[in-house]
Amino acid sequence: MTSAQCCVDETCYTCRYWHEKSEWAANGDRVIDPSGIMDGAPVARVDGQHFILKPYDQTGDRQWLGFRGCEITFRFSDGREVVSNDVWSQGEIPARFRERLPDNAVIVSQPQEPTP
């Protein structure tokens, strides 16, 4: 079966991956993670890109943080702002999933390297 055929019934890896993100959207834009590592973390979708915003990390070990510990502020459609220095990207949302995963936030401050 080709990937094009697979996507007709949305059973390929890519479709399963984005179905998971759709479940998070239905969960109030919060990650569902049975391992508990990222469970409940906010999810932001900006300009067709998908992000997980982990809690602000004070450890100072930037090499293990998303976007190398750069601080990013997101403003959600409901008006709340979330600042994180541990943002993880899941990539560009495929066109066929954009209706299910519409943008829900904007970035109000561009990534900034933390001061030493």
Protein backbone atom coordinates (compact mmCIF):
# COMPACT_ATOMS: atom_id res chain seq x y z
CA MET A 1 0.00 0.00 0.00
CA THR A 2 1.35 3.41 -0.89
CA SER A 3 1.32 6.23 1.63
CA ALA A 4 -1.29 8.02 -0.51
CA GLN A 5 -3.59 4.99 -0.22
CA CYS A 6 -2.87 4.70 3.47
CA CYS A 7 -3.96 8.27 4.09
CA VAL A 8 -7.35 7.63 2.54
CA ASP A 9 -8.37 5.88 5.76
CA GLU A 10 -5.87 7.84 7.89
CA THR A 11 -3.99 4.84 9.28
CA CYS A 12 -0.42 5.73 8.27
CA TYR A 13 2.14 6.88 10.84
CA THR A 14 1.72 10.55 9.90
CA CYS A 15 -2.06 10.44 10.26
CA ARG A 16 -1.87 8.58 13.59
CA TYR A 17 0.63 11.21 14.79
CA TRP A 18 -1.75 14.08 13.95
CA HIS A 19 -4.78 12.20 15.29
CA GLU A 20 -2.97 12.19 18.64
CA LYS A 21 -2.60 15.98 18.41
CA SER A 22 -6.34 16.19 17.59
CA GLU A 23 -7.04 14.29 20.83
CA TRP A 24 -4.97 16.89 22.68
CA ALA A 25 -7.04 19.66 21.08
CA ALA A 26 -10.21 17.91 22.28
CA ASN A 27 -8.58 17.73 25.74
CA GLY A 28 -8.63 21.52 26.04
CA ASP A 29 -5.34 21.95 24.15
CA ARG A 30 -3.50 19.95 26.81
CA VAL A 31 -1.09 17.07 26.19
CA ILE A 32 -2.30 13.59 27.07
CA ASP A 33 0.83 11.67 28.12
CA PRO A 34 0.32 8.35 29.94
CA SER A 35 3.97 8.45 31.07
CA GLY A 36 3.19 11.67 32.93
CA ILE A 37 6.28 13.48 31.63
CA MET A 38 4.36 16.08 29.62
CA ASP A 39 0.80 15.30 30.70
CA GLY A 40 -1.31 18.44 30.89
CA ALA A 41 1.25 20.72 29.21
CA PRO A 42 -0.38 23.45 27.10
CA VAL A 43 -0.46 23.07 23.34
CA ALA A 44 -0.08 26.06 21.01
CA ARG A 45 -0.73 26.18 17.28
CA VAL A 46 0.74 29.21 15.54
CA ASP A 47 0.73 29.81 11.78
CA GLY A 48 0.11 26.11 11.14
CA GLN A 49 2.94 24.98 13.46
CA HIS A 50 2.31 22.80 16.54
CA PHE A 51 4.10 23.31 19.89
CA ILE A 52 4.15 21.89 23.41
CA LEU A 53 4.90 24.45 26.14
CA LYS A 54 6.56 22.72 29.05
CA PRO A 55 6.76 24.53 32.41
CA TYR A 56 9.47 27.16 32.81
CA ASP A 57 12.69 25.34 33.68
CA GLN A 58 15.02 26.91 36.25
CA THR A 59 17.75 24.26 36.11
CA GLY A 60 19.99 26.30 33.83
CA ASP A 61 20.95 23.24 31.76
CA ARG A 62 19.75 24.63 28.42
CA GLN A 63 21.14 21.82 26.27
CA TRP A 64 18.21 19.59 27.28
CA LEU A 65 15.49 22.20 26.80
CA GLY A 66 13.39 22.81 23.71
CA PHE A 67 14.70 25.64 21.52
CA ARG A 68 17.87 25.46 23.70
CA GLY A 69 16.13 27.21 26.56
CA CYS A 70 15.09 30.31 24.63
CA GLU A 71 12.21 32.12 26.34
CA ILE A 72 9.08 32.43 24.19
CA THR A 73 5.76 34.07 25.11
CA PHE A 74 2.54 32.77 23.57
CA ARG A 75 -0.83 34.56 23.72
CA PHE A 76 -3.77 32.24 23.36
CA SER A 77 -7.11 33.04 21.73
CA ASP A 78 -8.70 33.22 25.20
CA GLY A 79 -6.31 36.05 26.17
CA ARG A 80 -4.01 34.17 28.54
CA GLU A 81 -0.25 34.32 28.06
CA VAL A 82 2.17 31.49 28.68
CA VAL A 83 5.93 32.01 28.92
CA SER A 84 8.15 28.98 28.51
CA ASN A 85 11.83 28.35 28.05
CA ASP A 86 11.18 24.70 27.17
CA VAL A 87 9.11 24.77 23.96
CA TRP A 88 8.95 21.67 21.78
CA SER A 89 7.89 21.73 18.15
CA GLN A 90 5.93 18.89 16.56
CA GLY A 91 6.28 20.48 13.14
CA GLU A 92 3.98 21.84 10.50
CA ILE A 93 0.39 20.64 10.65
CA PRO A 94 -0.49 18.92 7.35
CA ALA A 95 -3.13 20.72 5.28
CA ARG A 96 -5.63 17.88 5.73
CA PHE A 97 -5.49 18.37 9.54
CA ARG A 98 -5.60 22.19 9.64
CA GLU A 99 -9.38 22.33 10.01
CA ARG A 100 -9.18 19.99 13.01
CA LEU A 101 -6.14 21.81 14.41
CA PRO A 102 -6.69 25.53 13.81
CA ASP A 103 -4.34 28.15 15.20
CA ASN A 104 -5.08 28.90 18.85
CA ALA A 105 -2.25 31.30 19.73
CA VAL A 106 0.27 33.84 18.52
CA ILE A 107 3.88 34.33 19.52
CA VAL A 108 4.19 37.73 21.21
CA SER A 109 7.92 37.60 21.90
CA GLN A 110 10.46 35.98 19.65
CA PRO A 111 12.84 33.41 21.12
CA GLN A 112 15.49 35.07 23.25
CA GLU A 113 18.63 33.41 24.53
CA PRO A 114 18.74 33.46 28.33
CA THR A 115 21.30 35.74 29.92
CA PRO A 116 24.22 33.84 31.50
